């Protein structure tokens, strides 16, 4: 089980992620500010990639909490946003809709072993 914080995701996207992640025994919380993420002390952060501020949010998290893997979540999966996310320091980029196997793969490849799902 890992602690995952969702930053700034619209309610419907957050609900979809929470359902899938909790089904794999992850503890999920939501945050509306960058400071909320810091207070949550997550092992992984999923950040909303739909707005223009997402590269700043990713950069801030990566610089403030270097050990924290950041995954950008978006409804706008295009190559420019994907590149912006990775250049800002994100470990991965995931477009909605989500599948359980996709989220497992992201956690297994982008995160340290202690965060990965139990086999």
C-alpha atoms as a PDB file:
ATOM      1  CA  UNK A   1       0.000   0.000   0.000  1.00  0.00           C
ATOM      2  CA  UNK A   2       1.264   3.455  -0.836  1.00  0.00           C
ATOM      3  CA  UNK A   3       0.175   7.000  -0.080  1.00  0.00           C
ATOM      4  CA  UNK A   4      -0.877   8.855  -3.218  1.00  0.00           C
ATOM      5  CA  UNK A   5      -2.009  12.481  -3.365  1.00  0.00           C
ATOM      6  CA  UNK A   6      -4.052  13.866  -6.251  1.00  0.00           C
ATOM      7  CA  UNK A   7      -3.387  17.569  -6.865  1.00  0.00           C
ATOM      8  CA  UNK A   8      -6.019  19.778  -8.479  1.00  0.00           C
ATOM      9  CA  UNK A   9      -7.913  17.057 -10.334  1.00  0.00           C
ATOM     10  CA  UNK A  10     -11.551  17.697 -11.280  1.00  0.00           C
ATOM     11  CA  UNK A  11     -13.951  15.708  -9.129  1.00  0.00           C
ATOM     12  CA  UNK A  12     -14.852  13.147 -11.804  1.00  0.00           C
ATOM     13  CA  UNK A  13     -11.217  12.381 -12.665  1.00  0.00           C
ATOM     14  CA  UNK A  14     -10.289  12.179  -8.994  1.00  0.00           C
ATOM     15  CA  UNK A  15     -13.202   9.822  -8.288  1.00  0.00           C
ATOM     16  CA  UNK A  16     -12.185   7.524 -11.150  1.00  0.00           C
ATOM     17  CA  UNK A  17      -8.581   7.401  -9.952  1.00  0.00           C
ATOM     18  CA  UNK A  18      -9.517   6.938  -6.312  1.00  0.00           C
ATOM     19  CA  UNK A  19     -11.707   3.964  -7.161  1.00  0.00           C
ATOM     20  CA  UNK A  20      -8.993   2.229  -9.165  1.00  0.00           C
ATOM     21  CA  UNK A  21      -6.147   3.019  -6.777  1.00  0.00           C
ATOM     22  CA  UNK A  22      -8.064   2.072  -3.628  1.00  0.00           C
ATOM     23  CA  UNK A  23      -9.046  -1.226  -5.280  1.00  0.00           C
ATOM     24  CA  UNK A  24      -5.300  -1.966  -5.296  1.00  0.00           C
ATOM     25  CA  UNK A  25      -5.043  -1.028  -1.591  1.00  0.00           C
ATOM     26  CA  UNK A  26      -3.436   2.390  -2.051  1.00  0.00           C
ATOM     27  CA  UNK A  27      -4.272   5.197   0.363  1.00  0.00           C
ATOM     28  CA  UNK A  28      -5.430   8.192  -1.704  1.00  0.00           C
ATOM     29  CA  UNK A  29      -5.979  11.800  -0.659  1.00  0.00           C
ATOM     30  CA  UNK A  30      -6.792  14.936  -2.613  1.00  0.00           C
ATOM     31  CA  UNK A  31      -5.063  18.304  -2.432  1.00  0.00           C
ATOM     32  CA  UNK A  32      -5.964  21.674  -3.848  1.00  0.00           C
ATOM     33  CA  UNK A  33      -2.617  23.436  -3.269  1.00  0.00           C
ATOM     34  CA  UNK A  34       1.058  22.576  -3.527  1.00  0.00           C
ATOM     35  CA  UNK A  35       1.452  23.097   0.223  1.00  0.00           C
ATOM     36  CA  UNK A  36      -1.341  20.567   0.820  1.00  0.00           C
ATOM     37  CA  UNK A  37       0.739  18.003  -1.061  1.00  0.00           C
ATOM     38  CA  UNK A  38       3.756  18.741   1.144  1.00  0.00           C
ATOM     39  CA  UNK A  39       1.625  18.316   4.293  1.00  0.00           C
ATOM     40  CA  UNK A  40       0.192  15.002   3.028  1.00  0.00           C
ATOM     41  CA  UNK A  41       3.737  13.607   2.678  1.00  0.00           C
ATOM     42  CA  UNK A  42       2.754  11.263  -0.168  1.00  0.00           C
ATOM     43  CA  UNK A  43       4.902   8.622  -1.806  1.00  0.00           C
ATOM     44  CA  UNK A  44       3.490   9.609  -5.227  1.00  0.00           C
ATOM     45  CA  UNK A  45       1.697  12.719  -6.528  1.00  0.00           C
ATOM     46  CA  UNK A  46      -0.710  12.720  -9.463  1.00  0.00           C
ATOM     47  CA  UNK A  47      -1.006  16.281 -10.812  1.00  0.00           C
ATOM     48  CA  UNK A  48      -3.710  17.760 -13.047  1.00  0.00           C
ATOM     49  CA  UNK A  49      -2.236  18.410 -16.480  1.00  0.00           C
ATOM     50  CA  UNK A  50      -5.231  20.136 -18.057  1.00  0.00           C
ATOM     51  CA  UNK A  51      -4.441  23.717 -17.054  1.00  0.00           C
ATOM     52  CA  UNK A  52      -1.609  26.012 -18.099  1.00  0.00           C
ATOM     53  CA  UNK A  53      -0.093  25.936 -14.587  1.00  0.00           C
ATOM     54  CA  UNK A  54       0.764  22.238 -14.579  1.00  0.00           C
ATOM     55  CA  UNK A  55       4.454  22.598 -15.618  1.00  0.00           C
ATOM     56  CA  UNK A  56       4.964  25.042 -12.736  1.00  0.00           C
ATOM     57  CA  UNK A  57       3.239  22.660 -10.295  1.00  0.00           C
ATOM     58  CA  UNK A  58       5.362  19.724 -11.444  1.00  0.00           C
ATOM     59  CA  UNK A  59       8.602  21.742 -11.243  1.00  0.00           C
ATOM     60  CA  UNK A  60       7.736  23.058  -7.786  1.00  0.00           C
ATOM     61  CA  UNK A  61       7.011  19.564  -6.455  1.00  0.00           C
ATOM     62  CA  UNK A  62      10.140  18.046  -8.001  1.00  0.00           C
ATOM     63  CA  UNK A  63      12.329  20.833  -6.577  1.00  0.00           C
ATOM     64  CA  UNK A  64      10.618  20.935  -3.165  1.00  0.00           C
ATOM     65  CA  UNK A  65      10.306  17.179  -2.637  1.00  0.00           C
ATOM     66  CA  UNK A  66      13.015  15.575  -4.803  1.00  0.00           C
ATOM     67  CA  UNK A  67      12.170  12.003  -3.757  1.00  0.00           C
ATOM     68  CA  UNK A  68       8.535  12.423  -4.859  1.00  0.00           C
ATOM     69  CA  UNK A  69       7.555  10.780  -8.161  1.00  0.00           C
ATOM     70  CA  UNK A  70       5.108  13.065 -10.007  1.00  0.00           C
ATOM     71  CA  UNK A  71       2.685  11.748 -12.623  1.00  0.00           C
ATOM     72  CA  UNK A  72       0.713  14.190 -14.785  1.00  0.00           C
ATOM     73  CA  UNK A  73      -2.937  13.234 -15.336  1.00  0.00           C
ATOM     74  CA  UNK A  74      -4.845  14.822 -18.209  1.00  0.00           C
ATOM     75  CA  UNK A  75      -7.840  14.722 -20.495  1.00  0.00           C
ATOM     76  CA  UNK A  76      -5.741  16.400 -23.169  1.00  0.00           C
ATOM     77  CA  UNK A  77      -3.260  13.737 -24.229  1.00  0.00           C
ATOM     78  CA  UNK A  78      -1.131  15.390 -26.876  1.00  0.00           C
ATOM     79  CA  UNK A  79       2.589  15.172 -27.526  1.00  0.00           C
ATOM     80  CA  UNK A  80       3.380  18.798 -26.599  1.00  0.00           C
ATOM     81  CA  UNK A  81       1.818  18.419 -23.130  1.00  0.00           C
ATOM     82  CA  UNK A  82       3.574  15.092 -22.646  1.00  0.00           C
ATOM     83  CA  UNK A  83       6.924  16.703 -23.493  1.00  0.00           C
ATOM     84  CA  UNK A  84       6.160  19.696 -21.226  1.00  0.00           C
ATOM     85  CA  UNK A  85       5.366  17.317 -18.361  1.00  0.00           C
ATOM     86  CA  UNK A  86       8.586  15.342 -18.746  1.00  0.00           C
ATOM     87  CA  UNK A  87      10.686  18.482 -19.175  1.00  0.00           C
ATOM     88  CA  UNK A  88       9.183  19.861 -15.955  1.00  0.00           C
ATOM     89  CA  UNK A  89      10.319  16.712 -14.136  1.00  0.00           C
ATOM     90  CA  UNK A  90       7.319  14.387 -14.197  1.00  0.00           C
ATOM     91  CA  UNK A  91       8.083  10.669 -14.140  1.00  0.00           C
ATOM     92  CA  UNK A  92       5.116   9.835 -16.365  1.00  0.00           C
ATOM     93  CA  UNK A  93       2.078  11.232 -18.160  1.00  0.00           C
ATOM     94  CA  UNK A  94      -1.321   9.524 -18.242  1.00  0.00           C
ATOM     95  CA  UNK A  95      -4.389  10.410 -20.294  1.00  0.00           C
ATOM     96  CA  UNK A  96      -7.958   9.671 -19.211  1.00  0.00           C
ATOM     97  CA  UNK A  97      -9.862   7.389 -19.277  1.00  0.00           C
ATOM     98  CA  UNK A  98      -7.843   5.163 -16.966  1.00  0.00           C
ATOM     99  CA  UNK A  99      -7.500   1.442 -16.746  1.00  0.00           C
ATOM    100  CA  UNK A 100      -6.365  -0.431 -13.666  1.00  0.00           C
ATOM    101  CA  UNK A 101      -3.524  -2.162 -15.522  1.00  0.00           C
ATOM    102  CA  UNK A 102      -2.299   1.205 -16.826  1.00  0.00           C
ATOM    103  CA  UNK A 103      -2.116   2.671 -13.321  1.00  0.00           C
ATOM    104  CA  UNK A 104      -0.346  -0.435 -12.032  1.00  0.00           C
ATOM    105  CA  UNK A 105       2.219  -0.109 -14.792  1.00  0.00           C
ATOM    106  CA  UNK A 106       2.797   3.564 -14.014  1.00  0.00           C
ATOM    107  CA  UNK A 107       3.319   2.837 -10.331  1.00  0.00           C
ATOM    108  CA  UNK A 108       5.563  -0.136 -11.101  1.00  0.00           C
ATOM    109  CA  UNK A 109       7.819   1.792 -13.487  1.00  0.00           C
ATOM    110  CA  UNK A 110       7.805   5.376 -12.253  1.00  0.00           C
ATOM    111  CA  UNK A 111       8.041   4.800  -8.528  1.00  0.00           C
ATOM    112  CA  UNK A 112      10.566   3.372  -6.080  1.00  0.00           C
ATOM    113  CA  UNK A 113      10.069  -0.284  -5.056  1.00  0.00           C
ATOM    114  CA  UNK A 114       8.506   0.661  -1.694  1.00  0.00           C
ATOM    115  CA  UNK A 115       5.644   2.404  -3.522  1.00  0.00           C
ATOM    116  CA  UNK A 116       4.899  -0.319  -6.021  1.00  0.00           C
ATOM    117  CA  UNK A 117       1.823  -2.461  -5.607  1.00  0.00           C
ATOM    118  CA  UNK A 118       2.102  -5.701  -3.725  1.00  0.00           C
ATOM    119  CA  UNK A 119       2.223  -8.665  -6.084  1.00  0.00           C
END
